[in-house]
């Protein structure tokens, strides 16, 4: 005779199983939501941008490199709140398609069509064309070392305790970190402004030290009244290991970042 045993889950087992399934479902939902709820748009005052946003939910609007000052054209049923610290705008209660105008502190007016959708995004990030061009320039420099670290700007390797590979890795790491906003303003008093022969000045913003080297971020503003072409060597000083510039052609009153890597 063959005896068969059958497992009958107890109430305790059922609760445990439900808990595991609930955690798996929630984790999957949170991961998918995090991936699907953000969109980046490039500011363009000559065009009306369009984005699908979460229906009747909270939508955050922000501008990289600028701050949102106001929004015009919202329907009365939509509420908005401004984050004074970060320059974000939060919109709530969008239940129908509408066209609004965003105003940034930098003076940009951007028309935007908001289209509510149950699966719409809740985080809209805007970038200026200049910011995008500058990012592309630095990304190219990160992929190709020679485009941001000029060989003729390096001190002879025999005068340095760094091997060529360790110098390259440290210099690139500093450039990446500083371009992403890292660094401190403390102990920056001893760093002076730099200028080219065209009297274009670079003002120090912050610096970062690591592995016996220091990277310094400068802000370069073209106040010459005309279009300006820049090269890394224009800002080179004796003792610099590497010089990287975000944008090499600046229009009137346009600005960019300059990053210098030194020993120390």
Foldseek 3Di string as FASTA:
>chain_A
DDDDDDDDDDPVNVVVVVVVVVVVVVVVVVVVQVVQAEDEEEFDLVDEAEFEAAAQAKAKEAEVPWAWDDKPWDDPQKDWDADPVRRMIIIGHHHAWTWMWIAIPVGGTHIYIYHYDNRTHRYYYYYYPLVVLLVVQLVVCLVPVCSWFPPVLADPCVVDPDDPVVVSVVVSVQSVQVVVPDFDPPPCVPPDWFAFPLRWIWAWDGKDDDPQKIKTKTKTFAQVQAKAFADQVRRRDPQWRTKGWRDGIDGHRDMTMIMTMGGD
